PDB file of N, CA and C in Angstrom:
ATOM      1  N   MET A   1      75.769  93.042 118.739  1.00  0.00           N
ATOM      2  CA  MET A   1      76.773  93.596 117.764  1.00  0.00           C
ATOM      3  C   MET A   1      75.887  94.566 116.940  1.00  0.00           C
ATOM      4  N   PRO A   2      76.161  95.958 116.889  1.00  0.00           N
ATOM      5  CA  PRO A   2      75.409  96.546 115.815  1.00  0.00           C
ATOM      6  C   PRO A   2      75.845  96.305 114.129  1.00  0.00           C
ATOM      7  N   ALA A   3      74.750  96.634 113.576  1.00  0.00           N
ATOM      8  CA  ALA A   3      74.802  96.254 112.176  1.00  0.00           C
ATOM      9  C   ALA A   3      75.883  97.323 111.434  1.00  0.00           C
ATOM     10  N   PHE A   4      76.027  98.536 112.086  1.00  0.00           N
ATOM     11  CA  PHE A   4      76.798  99.462 111.075  1.00  0.00           C
ATOM     12  C   PHE A   4      78.106  99.904 112.080  1.00  0.00           C
ATOM     13  N   LYS A   5      79.085 100.346 111.600  1.00  0.00           N
ATOM     14  CA  LYS A   5      80.233 100.893 112.345  1.00  0.00           C
ATOM     15  C   LYS A   5      80.078 102.415 112.442  1.00  0.00           C
ATOM     16  N   LYS A   6      80.350 102.944 113.706  1.00  0.00           N
ATOM     17  CA  LYS A   6      80.262 104.273 114.114  1.00  0.00           C
ATOM     18  C   LYS A   6      81.327 105.257 113.133  1.00  0.00           C
ATOM     19  N   VAL A   7      80.869 106.222 112.616  1.00  0.00           N
ATOM     20  CA  VAL A   7      81.815 107.124 111.759  1.00  0.00           C
ATOM     21  C   VAL A   7      82.160 108.133 112.459  1.00  0.00           C
ATOM     22  N   LYS A   8      83.395 108.564 112.541  1.00  0.00           N
ATOM     23  CA  LYS A   8      83.973 109.593 113.298  1.00  0.00           C
ATOM     24  C   LYS A   8      83.726 110.972 112.738  1.00  0.00           C
ATOM     25  N   ASN A   9      83.745 112.011 113.246  1.00  0.00           N
ATOM     26  CA  ASN A   9      83.584 113.442 112.791  1.00  0.00           C
ATOM     27  C   ASN A   9      84.622 114.030 112.667  1.00  0.00           C
ATOM     28  N   LEU A  10      85.383 114.104 111.342  1.00  0.00           N
ATOM     29  CA  LEU A  10      86.633 114.823 111.103  1.00  0.00           C
ATOM     30  C   LEU A  10      86.653 116.363 111.338  1.00  0.00           C
ATOM     31  N   LYS A  11      85.314 117.068 111.287  1.00  0.00           N
ATOM     32  CA  LYS A  11      85.072 118.378 111.267  1.00  0.00           C
ATOM     33  C   LYS A  11      86.102 119.122 110.177  1.00  0.00           C
ATOM     34  N   ILE A  12      86.006 118.538 109.038  1.00  0.00           N
ATOM     35  CA  ILE A  12      86.662 119.260 107.774  1.00  0.00           C
ATOM     36  C   ILE A  12      85.629 119.667 107.051  1.00  0.00           C
ATOM     37  N   PRO A  13      85.550 120.949 106.724  1.00  0.00           N
ATOM     38  CA  PRO A  13      84.407 121.529 105.771  1.00  0.00           C
ATOM     39  C   PRO A  13      84.366 120.954 104.459  1.00  0.00           C
ATOM     40  N   GLY A  14      83.051 120.525 103.863  1.00  0.00           N
ATOM     41  CA  GLY A  14      83.230 120.214 102.428  1.00  0.00           C
ATOM     42  C   GLY A  14      83.701 118.629 102.190  1.00  0.00           C
ATOM     43  N   VAL A  15      84.010 118.070 103.408  1.00  0.00           N
ATOM     44  CA  VAL A  15      84.075 116.464 103.322  1.00  0.00           C
ATOM     45  C   VAL A  15      83.221 115.786 103.849  1.00  0.00           C
ATOM     46  N   ASN A  16      82.411 114.801 103.222  1.00  0.00           N
ATOM     47  CA  ASN A  16      81.382 114.167 103.908  1.00  0.00           C
ATOM     48  C   ASN A  16      81.704 112.630 103.897  1.00  0.00           C
ATOM     49  N   PRO A  17      81.361 112.046 105.041  1.00  0.00           N
ATOM     50  CA  PRO A  17      81.907 110.609 105.364  1.00  0.00           C
ATOM     51  C   PRO A  17      81.351 109.652 104.372  1.00  0.00           C
ATOM     52  N   PRO A  18      82.181 108.678 103.926  1.00  0.00           N
ATOM     53  CA  PRO A  18      81.811 107.664 103.040  1.00  0.00           C
ATOM     54  C   PRO A  18      80.491 106.816 103.406  1.00  0.00           C
ATOM     55  N   GLU A  19      79.766 106.395 102.666  1.00  0.00           N
ATOM     56  CA  GLU A  19      78.427 105.502 102.821  1.00  0.00           C
ATOM     57  C   GLU A  19      79.112 104.223 103.117  1.00  0.00           C
ATOM     58  N   LYS A  20      80.019 103.648 102.738  1.00  0.00           N
ATOM     59  CA  LYS A  20      80.447 102.166 102.906  1.00  0.00           C
ATOM     60  C   LYS A  20      81.139 102.198 104.077  1.00  0.00           C
ATOM     61  N   THR A  21      81.366 101.066 104.744  1.00  0.00           N
ATOM     62  CA  THR A  21      82.205 101.003 105.936  1.00  0.00           C
ATOM     63  C   THR A  21      83.203  99.932 105.642  1.00  0.00           C
ATOM     64  N   CYS A  22      84.482 100.203 106.623  1.00  0.00           N
ATOM     65  CA  CYS A  22      85.447  99.233 106.463  1.00  0.00           C
ATOM     66  C   CYS A  22      86.238  98.748 107.621  1.00  0.00           C
ATOM     67  N   ASP A  23      87.141  97.919 107.818  1.00  0.00           N
ATOM     68  CA  ASP A  23      87.801  97.454 108.823  1.00  0.00           C
ATOM     69  C   ASP A  23      89.196  97.780 108.788  1.00  0.00           C
ATOM     70  N   ASP A  24      89.736  98.761 108.102  1.00  0.00           N
ATOM     71  CA  ASP A  24      91.166  99.177 107.709  1.00  0.00           C
ATOM     72  C   ASP A  24      91.430 100.118 109.083  1.00  0.00           C
ATOM     73  N   PRO A  25      92.541  99.699 109.963  1.00  0.00           N
ATOM     74  CA  PRO A  25      92.925 100.493 110.979  1.00  0.00           C
ATOM     75  C   PRO A  25      93.457 101.874 110.696  1.00  0.00           C
ATOM     76  N   ASN A  26      93.777 101.995 109.357  1.00  0.00           N
ATOM     77  CA  ASN A  26      94.537 103.308 108.801  1.00  0.00           C
ATOM     78  C   ASN A  26      93.397 104.240 108.112  1.00  0.00           C
ATOM     79  N   CYS A  27      92.013 103.871 108.458  1.00  0.00           N
ATOM     80  CA  CYS A  27      90.994 104.649 107.914  1.00  0.00           C
ATOM     81  C   CYS A  27      90.573 105.808 108.840  1.00  0.00           C
ATOM     82  N   PRO A  28      90.552 106.927 108.281  1.00  0.00           N
ATOM     83  CA  PRO A  28      90.365 108.106 109.374  1.00  0.00           C
ATOM     84  C   PRO A  28      89.063 108.185 109.598  1.00  0.00           C
ATOM     85  N   TRP A  29      87.850 107.651 108.941  1.00  0.00           N
ATOM     86  CA  TRP A  29      86.722 107.577 109.351  1.00  0.00           C
ATOM     87  C   TRP A  29      86.117 106.460 110.200  1.00  0.00           C
ATOM     88  N   HIS A  30      86.725 105.391 110.085  1.00  0.00           N
ATOM     89  CA  HIS A  30      86.378 103.993 110.844  1.00  0.00           C
ATOM     90  C   HIS A  30      87.336 103.493 111.517  1.00  0.00           C
ATOM     91  N   GLY A  31      88.667 103.940 111.377  1.00  0.00           N
ATOM     92  CA  GLY A  31      89.796 103.412 112.022  1.00  0.00           C
ATOM     93  C   GLY A  31      90.274 104.369 113.200  1.00  0.00           C
ATOM     94  N   THR A  32      91.516 104.130 113.619  1.00  0.00           N
ATOM     95  CA  THR A  32      92.293 104.858 114.784  1.00  0.00           C
ATOM     96  C   THR A  32      93.211 106.008 114.310  1.00  0.00           C
ATOM     97  N   LEU A  33      93.271 106.300 112.883  1.00  0.00           N
ATOM     98  CA  LEU A  33      94.185 107.071 112.294  1.00  0.00           C
ATOM     99  C   LEU A  33      93.680 108.462 112.521  1.00  0.00           C
ATOM    100  N   ARG A  34      94.616 109.493 112.944  1.00  0.00           N
ATOM    101  CA  ARG A  34      94.194 110.622 113.095  1.00  0.00           C
ATOM    102  C   ARG A  34      94.710 111.750 111.971  1.00  0.00           C
ATOM    103  N   VAL A  35      93.931 112.657 111.572  1.00  0.00           N
ATOM    104  CA  VAL A  35      94.419 113.604 110.527  1.00  0.00           C
ATOM    105  C   VAL A  35      94.703 114.956 111.440  1.00  0.00           C
ATOM    106  N   ARG A  36      96.003 115.086 111.004  1.00  0.00           N
ATOM    107  CA  ARG A  36      96.544 116.493 111.686  1.00  0.00           C
ATOM    108  C   ARG A  36      97.400 117.131 110.536  1.00  0.00           C
ATOM    109  N   GLY A  37      97.645 118.602 110.621  1.00  0.00           N
ATOM    110  CA  GLY A  37      98.526 119.111 109.735  1.00  0.00           C
ATOM    111  C   GLY A  37      97.787 119.739 108.529  1.00  0.00           C
ATOM    112  N   VAL A  38      98.285 119.503 107.304  1.00  0.00           N
ATOM    113  CA  VAL A  38      97.809 120.134 106.196  1.00  0.00           C
ATOM    114  C   VAL A  38      96.742 119.365 105.555  1.00  0.00           C
ATOM    115  N   ILE A  39      95.573 120.113 105.016  1.00  0.00           N
ATOM    116  CA  ILE A  39      94.587 119.483 104.097  1.00  0.00           C
ATOM    117  C   ILE A  39      94.708 120.017 102.829  1.00  0.00           C
ATOM    118  N   LEU A  40      95.082 119.159 101.780  1.00  0.00           N
ATOM    119  CA  LEU A  40      95.271 119.595 100.474  1.00  0.00           C
ATOM    120  C   LEU A  40      94.144 118.969  99.346  1.00  0.00           C
ATOM    121  N   GLU A  41      94.144 119.559  98.040  1.00  0.00           N
ATOM    122  CA  GLU A  41      93.339 118.943  97.069  1.00  0.00           C
ATOM    123  C   GLU A  41      94.400 118.757  95.994  1.00  0.00           C
ATOM    124  N   GLY A  42      93.960 117.724  95.273  1.00  0.00           N
ATOM    125  CA  GLY A  42      94.635 117.231  94.237  1.00  0.00           C
ATOM    126  C   GLY A  42      94.019 116.136  93.206  1.00  0.00           C
ATOM    127  N   VAL A  43      94.842 115.820  92.069  1.00  0.00           N
ATOM    128  CA  VAL A  43      94.246 114.943  91.214  1.00  0.00           C
ATOM    129  C   VAL A  43      94.931 113.522  91.211  1.00  0.00           C
ATOM    130  N   VAL A  44      94.243 112.668  91.210  1.00  0.00           N
ATOM    131  CA  VAL A  44      94.795 111.251  91.376  1.00  0.00           C
ATOM    132  C   VAL A  44      95.311 110.906  89.990  1.00  0.00           C
ATOM    133  N   GLU A  45      96.796 110.703  89.979  1.00  0.00           N
ATOM    134  CA  GLU A  45      97.571 110.426  88.835  1.00  0.00           C
ATOM    135  C   GLU A  45      97.518 108.981  88.561  1.00  0.00           C
ATOM    136  N   LYS A  46      97.935 108.057  89.568  1.00  0.00           N
ATOM    137  CA  LYS A  46      98.140 106.775  89.492  1.00  0.00           C
ATOM    138  C   LYS A  46      97.371 106.070  90.626  1.00  0.00           C
ATOM    139  N   PHE A  47      96.711 104.878  90.454  1.00  0.00           N
ATOM    140  CA  PHE A  47      96.286 104.182  91.587  1.00  0.00           C
ATOM    141  C   PHE A  47      96.550 102.695  91.140  1.00  0.00           C
ATOM    142  N   ARG A  48      97.743 102.333  91.319  1.00  0.00           N
ATOM    143  CA  ARG A  48      98.021 100.930  90.850  1.00  0.00           C
ATOM    144  C   ARG A  48      98.507 100.111  92.086  1.00  0.00           C
ATOM    145  N   ALA A  49      99.297 100.906  92.995  1.00  0.00           N
ATOM    146  CA  ALA A  49      99.621 100.072  94.201  1.00  0.00           C
ATOM    147  C   ALA A  49      98.422  99.966  95.037  1.00  0.00           C
ATOM    148  N   GLN A  50      98.753  98.676  95.961  1.00  0.00           N
ATOM    149  CA  GLN A  50      97.484  98.472  96.886  1.00  0.00           C
ATOM    150  C   GLN A  50      97.179  99.225  97.778  1.00  0.00           C
ATOM    151  N   ARG A  51      96.101  99.981  97.723  1.00  0.00           N
ATOM    152  CA  ARG A  51      95.455 100.961  98.784  1.00  0.00           C
ATOM    153  C   ARG A  51      96.492 102.293  98.831  1.00  0.00           C
ATOM    154  N   THR A  52      97.269 102.461  97.624  1.00  0.00           N
ATOM    155  CA  THR A  52      98.016 103.753  97.834  1.00  0.00           C
ATOM    156  C   THR A  52      97.856 104.507  96.249  1.00  0.00           C
ATOM    157  N   ALA A  53      97.702 105.845  96.311  1.00  0.00           N
ATOM    158  CA  ALA A  53      97.437 106.403  95.085  1.00  0.00           C
ATOM    159  C   ALA A  53      98.595 107.688  95.077  1.00  0.00           C
ATOM    160  N   VAL A  54      98.882 107.894  93.874  1.00  0.00           N
ATOM    161  CA  VAL A  54      99.843 109.217  93.646  1.00  0.00           C
ATOM    162  C   VAL A  54      98.702 110.354  93.283  1.00  0.00           C
ATOM    163  N   VAL A  55      98.941 111.186  94.028  1.00  0.00           N
ATOM    164  CA  VAL A  55      97.957 112.575  93.932  1.00  0.00           C
ATOM    165  C   VAL A  55      99.100 113.688  93.479  1.00  0.00           C
ATOM    166  N   ARG A  56      98.584 114.445  92.503  1.00  0.00           N
ATOM    167  CA  ARG A  56      99.429 115.548  92.001  1.00  0.00           C
ATOM    168  C   ARG A  56      98.709 116.906  92.541  1.00  0.00           C
ATOM    169  N   HIS A  57      99.403 117.615  93.425  1.00  0.00           N
ATOM    170  CA  HIS A  57      98.929 118.870  94.080  1.00  0.00           C
ATOM    171  C   HIS A  57      99.469 120.098  93.255  1.00  0.00           C
ATOM    172  N   ASP A  58      98.636 120.643  92.610  1.00  0.00           N
ATOM    173  CA  ASP A  58      99.043 121.937  91.876  1.00  0.00           C
ATOM    174  C   ASP A  58      98.911 123.340  92.865  1.00  0.00           C
ATOM    175  N   TYR A  59      99.866 124.128  92.777  1.00  0.00           N
ATOM    176  CA  TYR A  59     100.048 125.337  93.459  1.00  0.00           C
ATOM    177  C   TYR A  59     100.644 126.487  92.867  1.00  0.00           C
ATOM    178  N   ILE A  60     100.529 127.799  93.224  1.00  0.00           N
ATOM    179  CA  ILE A  60     101.224 128.990  92.691  1.00  0.00           C
ATOM    180  C   ILE A  60     102.281 129.274  93.631  1.00  0.00           C
ATOM    181  N   TYR A  61     103.589 129.504  93.121  1.00  0.00           N
ATOM    182  CA  TYR A  61     104.611 130.032  93.853  1.00  0.00           C
ATOM    183  C   TYR A  61     105.147 131.438  93.386  1.00  0.00           C
ATOM    184  N   TYR A  62     105.190 132.377  94.248  1.00  0.00           N
ATOM    185  CA  TYR A  62     105.698 133.526  93.878  1.00  0.00           C
ATOM    186  C   TYR A  62     107.368 133.851  93.697  1.00  0.00           C
ATOM    187  N   VAL A  63     107.863 134.317  92.693  1.00  0.00           N
ATOM    188  CA  VAL A  63     109.339 134.404  92.404  1.00  0.00           C
ATOM    189  C   VAL A  63     109.681 135.815  92.780  1.00  0.00           C
ATOM    190  N   LYS A  64     110.278 136.110  93.809  1.00  0.00           N
ATOM    191  CA  LYS A  64     110.613 137.627  94.177  1.00  0.00           C
ATOM    192  C   LYS A  64     111.373 138.398  93.123  1.00  0.00           C
ATOM    193  N   LYS A  65     112.349 137.671  92.490  1.00  0.00           N
ATOM    194  CA  LYS A  65     113.339 138.397  91.531  1.00  0.00           C
ATOM    195  C   LYS A  65     112.628 138.786  90.256  1.00  0.00           C
ATOM    196  N   TYR A  66     111.647 138.203  89.794  1.00  0.00           N
ATOM    197  CA  TYR A  66     110.912 138.643  88.685  1.00  0.00           C
ATOM    198  C   TYR A  66     109.532 139.109  88.977  1.00  0.00           C
ATOM    199  N   LYS A  67     109.173 139.108  90.331  1.00  0.00           N
ATOM    200  CA  LYS A  67     107.913 139.707  90.770  1.00  0.00           C
ATOM    201  C   LYS A  67     106.655 139.013  90.095  1.00  0.00           C
ATOM    202  N   ARG A  68     106.855 137.877  89.918  1.00  0.00           N
ATOM    203  CA  ARG A  68     105.507 137.060  89.119  1.00  0.00           C
ATOM    204  C   ARG A  68     105.520 135.738  89.833  1.00  0.00           C
ATOM    205  N   TYR A  69     104.336 135.108  89.591  1.00  0.00           N
ATOM    206  CA  TYR A  69     104.001 133.833  89.843  1.00  0.00           C
ATOM    207  C   TYR A  69     104.296 132.966  88.950  1.00  0.00           C
ATOM    208  N   GLU A  70     104.596 131.502  89.426  1.00  0.00           N
ATOM    209  CA  GLU A  70     104.589 130.485  88.474  1.00  0.00           C
ATOM    210  C   GLU A  70     103.878 129.164  88.987  1.00  0.00           C
ATOM    211  N   LYS A  71     103.379 128.335  88.140  1.00  0.00           N
ATOM    212  CA  LYS A  71     102.879 126.973  88.632  1.00  0.00           C
ATOM    213  C   LYS A  71     104.000 126.062  88.935  1.00  0.00           C
ATOM    214  N   ARG A  72     103.451 125.486  89.966  1.00  0.00           N
ATOM    215  CA  ARG A  72     104.314 124.311  90.386  1.00  0.00           C
ATOM    216  C   ARG A  72     103.460 123.061  90.678  1.00  0.00           C
ATOM    217  N   SER A  73     103.962 121.971  90.951  1.00  0.00           N
ATOM    218  CA  SER A  73     103.166 120.924  91.273  1.00  0.00           C
ATOM    219  C   SER A  73     104.049 119.891  92.229  1.00  0.00           C
ATOM    220  N   LYS A  74     103.352 118.992  92.966  1.00  0.00           N
ATOM    221  CA  LYS A  74     104.144 118.049  93.719  1.00  0.00           C
ATOM    222  C   LYS A  74     103.405 116.871  93.844  1.00  0.00           C
ATOM    223  N   LYS A  75     104.155 115.734  93.736  1.00  0.00           N
ATOM    224  CA  LYS A  75     103.522 114.300  93.619  1.00  0.00           C
ATOM    225  C   LYS A  75     103.495 113.866  94.960  1.00  0.00           C
ATOM    226  N   ILE A  76     102.324 113.484  95.487  1.00  0.00           N
ATOM    227  CA  ILE A  76     102.175 113.115  96.923  1.00  0.00           C
ATOM    228  C   ILE A  76     101.656 111.740  96.819  1.00  0.00           C
ATOM    229  N   HIS A  77     102.171 110.806  97.816  1.00  0.00           N
ATOM    230  CA  HIS A  77     101.696 109.372  97.974  1.00  0.00           C
ATOM    231  C   HIS A  77     100.558 109.444  98.995  1.00  0.00           C
ATOM    232  N   ALA A  78      99.413 108.808  98.810  1.00  0.00           N
ATOM    233  CA  ALA A  78      98.268 108.863  99.850  1.00  0.00           C
ATOM    234  C   ALA A  78      97.631 107.445  99.973  1.00  0.00           C
ATOM    235  N   HIS A  79      97.471 107.110 101.280  1.00  0.00           N
ATOM    236  CA  HIS A  79      96.911 105.945 101.510  1.00  0.00           C
ATOM    237  C   HIS A  79      95.205 106.192 101.310  1.00  0.00           C
ATOM    238  N   VAL A  80      94.685 105.239 100.637  1.00  0.00           N
ATOM    239  CA  VAL A  80      93.258 105.006 100.212  1.00  0.00           C
ATOM    240  C   VAL A  80      92.675 103.962 100.981  1.00  0.00           C
ATOM    241  N   PRO A  81      91.617 104.170 101.849  1.00  0.00           N
ATOM    242  CA  PRO A  81      90.914 103.341 102.817  1.00  0.00           C
ATOM    243  C   PRO A  81      89.961 102.544 101.626  1.00  0.00           C
ATOM    244  N   PRO A  82      89.592 101.352 102.033  1.00  0.00           N
ATOM    245  CA  PRO A  82      88.767 100.703 101.166  1.00  0.00           C
ATOM    246  C   PRO A  82      87.312 101.165 101.031  1.00  0.00           C
ATOM    247  N   CYS A  83      87.028 102.013 101.904  1.00  0.00           N
ATOM    248  CA  CYS A  83      85.479 102.503 101.956  1.00  0.00           C
ATOM    249  C   CYS A  83      85.433 103.736 101.187  1.00  0.00           C
ATOM    250  N   ILE A  84      86.443 104.223 100.436  1.00  0.00           N
ATOM    251  CA  ILE A  84      86.565 105.249  99.535  1.00  0.00           C
ATOM    252  C   ILE A  84      86.851 104.782  98.137  1.00  0.00           C
ATOM    253  N   ASP A  85      85.871 104.948  96.971  1.00  0.00           N
ATOM    254  CA  ASP A  85      86.248 104.631  95.980  1.00  0.00           C
ATOM    255  C   ASP A  85      86.890 105.638  95.072  1.00  0.00           C
ATOM    256  N   VAL A  86      88.176 105.481  94.555  1.00  0.00           N
ATOM    257  CA  VAL A  86      88.871 106.464  93.814  1.00  0.00           C
ATOM    258  C   VAL A  86      89.360 105.729  92.515  1.00  0.00           C
ATOM    259  N   LYS A  87      89.417 106.659  91.475  1.00  0.00           N
ATOM    260  CA  LYS A  87      89.811 106.227  90.141  1.00  0.00           C
ATOM    261  C   LYS A  87      90.896 107.230  89.629  1.00  0.00           C
ATOM    262  N   GLU A  88      91.725 106.956  88.861  1.00  0.00           N
ATOM    263  CA  GLU A  88      92.563 107.816  88.169  1.00  0.00           C
ATOM    264  C   GLU A  88      91.675 109.068  87.438  1.00  0.00           C
ATOM    265  N   GLY A  89      92.360 110.208  87.768  1.00  0.00           N
ATOM    266  CA  GLY A  89      91.585 111.474  87.089  1.00  0.00           C
ATOM    267  C   GLY A  89      90.627 112.154  88.326  1.00  0.00           C
ATOM    268  N   ASP A  90      90.274 111.497  89.349  1.00  0.00           N
ATOM    269  CA  ASP A  90      89.441 112.039  90.459  1.00  0.00           C
ATOM    270  C   ASP A  90      90.144 113.221  91.190  1.00  0.00           C
ATOM    271  N   VAL A  91      89.411 114.347  91.394  1.00  0.00           N
ATOM    272  CA  VAL A  91      89.817 115.304  92.379  1.00  0.00           C
ATOM    273  C   VAL A  91      89.531 115.012  93.836  1.00  0.00           C
ATOM    274  N   VAL A  92      90.552 114.739  94.643  1.00  0.00           N
ATOM    275  CA  VAL A  92      90.481 114.414  95.976  1.00  0.00           C
ATOM    276  C   VAL A  92      91.015 115.242  96.889  1.00  0.00           C
ATOM    277  N   VAL A  93      90.498 115.072  98.271  1.00  0.00           N
ATOM    278  CA  VAL A  93      90.845 115.657  99.448  1.00  0.00           C
ATOM    279  C   VAL A  93      91.825 115.079 100.293  1.00  0.00           C
ATOM    280  N   ILE A  94      93.127 115.223 100.538  1.00  0.00           N
ATOM    281  CA  ILE A  94      93.903 114.489 101.115  1.00  0.00           C
ATOM    282  C   ILE A  94      94.469 115.110 102.706  1.00  0.00           C
ATOM    283  N   GLY A  95      94.609 114.477 103.560  1.00  0.00           N
ATOM    284  CA  GLY A  95      94.908 115.034 104.943  1.00  0.00           C
ATOM    285  C   GLY A  95      96.111 114.427 105.369  1.00  0.00           C
ATOM    286  N   GLU A  96      97.119 115.145 105.938  1.00  0.00           N
ATOM    287  CA  GLU A  96      98.335 114.926 106.656  1.00  0.00           C
ATOM    288  C   GLU A  96      98.211 114.072 107.989  1.00  0.00           C
ATOM    289  N   THR A  97      98.773 113.094 107.873  1.00  0.00           N
ATOM    290  CA  THR A  97      98.824 112.073 109.195  1.00  0.00           C
ATOM    291  C   THR A  97     100.162 111.559 109.451  1.00  0.00           C
ATOM    292  N   ARG A  98     100.247 110.678 110.589  1.00  0.00           N
ATOM    293  CA  ARG A  98     101.404 110.087 110.792  1.00  0.00           C
ATOM    294  C   ARG A  98     101.767 109.085 109.657  1.00  0.00           C
ATOM    295  N   PRO A  99     103.372 108.766 109.644  1.00  0.00           N
ATOM    296  CA  PRO A  99     103.902 108.039 108.439  1.00  0.00           C
ATOM    297  C   PRO A  99     103.181 106.682 108.614  1.00  0.00           C
ATOM    298  N   ILE A 100     102.763 106.341 107.452  1.00  0.00           N
ATOM    299  CA  ILE A 100     102.065 104.852 107.258  1.00  0.00           C
ATOM    300  C   ILE A 100     102.947 104.019 106.767  1.00  0.00           C
ATOM    301  N   ALA A 101     103.747 104.493 105.731  1.00  0.00           N
ATOM    302  CA  ALA A 101     104.972 103.736 105.037  1.00  0.00           C
ATOM    303  C   ALA A 101     105.965 104.702 104.636  1.00  0.00           C
ATOM    304  N   LYS A 102     107.024 104.066 103.966  1.00  0.00           N
ATOM    305  CA  LYS A 102     108.245 104.939 103.753  1.00  0.00           C
ATOM    306  C   LYS A 102     107.893 106.445 103.192  1.00  0.00           C
ATOM    307  N   THR A 103     107.064 106.523 102.263  1.00  0.00           N
ATOM    308  CA  THR A 103     106.737 107.541 101.451  1.00  0.00           C
ATOM    309  C   THR A 103     105.279 107.942 101.576  1.00  0.00           C
ATOM    310  N   VAL A 104     104.515 107.415 102.300  1.00  0.00           N
ATOM    311  CA  VAL A 104     103.044 107.647 102.606  1.00  0.00           C
ATOM    312  C   VAL A 104     102.814 108.387 103.893  1.00  0.00           C
ATOM    313  N   LYS A 105     102.478 109.589 103.636  1.00  0.00           N
ATOM    314  CA  LYS A 105     102.229 110.369 104.991  1.00  0.00           C
ATOM    315  C   LYS A 105     100.775 111.223 104.723  1.00  0.00           C
ATOM    316  N   PHE A 106     100.113 110.696 103.918  1.00  0.00           N
ATOM    317  CA  PHE A 106      98.812 111.648 103.773  1.00  0.00           C
ATOM    318  C   PHE A 106      97.750 110.386 103.531  1.00  0.00           C
ATOM    319  N   VAL A 107      96.418 110.604 103.759  1.00  0.00           N
ATOM    320  CA  VAL A 107      95.467 109.778 103.398  1.00  0.00           C
ATOM    321  C   VAL A 107      94.459 110.414 102.789  1.00  0.00           C
ATOM    322  N   VAL A 108      93.634 109.727 101.988  1.00  0.00           N
ATOM    323  CA  VAL A 108      92.559 110.376 101.222  1.00  0.00           C
ATOM    324  C   VAL A 108      91.236 110.443 102.152  1.00  0.00           C
ATOM    325  N   LEU A 109      90.665 111.636 102.169  1.00  0.00           N
ATOM    326  CA  LEU A 109      89.591 111.958 103.032  1.00  0.00           C
ATOM    327  C   LEU A 109      88.215 111.685 102.306  1.00  0.00           C
ATOM    328  N   GLY A 110      88.260 112.100 101.014  1.00  0.00           N
ATOM    329  CA  GLY A 110      86.850 112.294 100.104  1.00  0.00           C
ATOM    330  C   GLY A 110      87.189 112.387  98.665  1.00  0.00           C
ATOM    331  N   VAL A 111      86.280 112.180  97.812  1.00  0.00           N
ATOM    332  CA  VAL A 111      86.300 112.657  96.451  1.00  0.00           C
ATOM    333  C   VAL A 111      85.580 114.044  96.337  1.00  0.00           C
ATOM    334  N   LYS A 112      86.096 114.955  95.659  1.00  0.00           N
ATOM    335  CA  LYS A 112      85.368 116.197  95.524  1.00  0.00           C
ATOM    336  C   LYS A 112      84.664 116.087  94.018  1.00  0.00           C
ATOM    337  N   LYS A 113      85.486 115.423  92.990  1.00  0.00           N
ATOM    338  CA  LYS A 113      84.966 115.461  91.657  1.00  0.00           C
ATOM    339  C   LYS A 113      85.417 114.156  90.908  1.00  0.00           C
ATOM    340  N   ARG A 114      84.384 113.698  90.298  1.00  0.00           N
ATOM    341  CA  ARG A 114      84.808 112.266  89.716  1.00  0.00           C
ATOM    342  C   ARG A 114      85.265 112.595  88.306  1.00  0.00           C
ATOM    343  N   ALA A 115      86.232 111.618  87.852  1.00  0.00           N
ATOM    344  CA  ALA A 115      86.778 111.757  86.525  1.00  0.00           C
ATOM    345  C   ALA A 115      85.591 111.441  85.254  1.00  0.00           C
ATOM    346  N   GLY A 116      85.731 112.627  84.546  1.00  0.00           N
ATOM    347  CA  GLY A 116      84.822 112.196  83.336  1.00  0.00           C
ATOM    348  C   GLY A 116      83.473 112.979  83.578  1.00  0.00           C
ATOM    349  N   SER A 117      83.113 113.645  84.890  1.00  0.00           N
ATOM    350  CA  SER A 117      82.078 114.092  85.121  1.00  0.00           C
ATOM    351  C   SER A 117      82.149 115.620  85.128  1.00  0.00           C
TER     352      SER A 117
END
């Protein structure tokens, strides 16, 4: 049996595979979960539930009536594999996947920027 587990190549630019390994079947790097659809960036607002984080995704929306842009945000629940260390305030990359729970349809792929650095 090999000492390390094979890491899948997700082919997402700017996202590197984690250094730790895990046995989570819902891990996009070491498990069988496939990432498809939208890739988003956001800030972790809450990380209190077990392996689930609330990520705030900020975006700009164009209002035709006033011919101006406005800032909007959306809170998205995302699954956090044990091989990725995430804290509140981190900027993370999340990818769309099949539904994991009632409200969880995204998974954390990696951390772009740590909180406080």
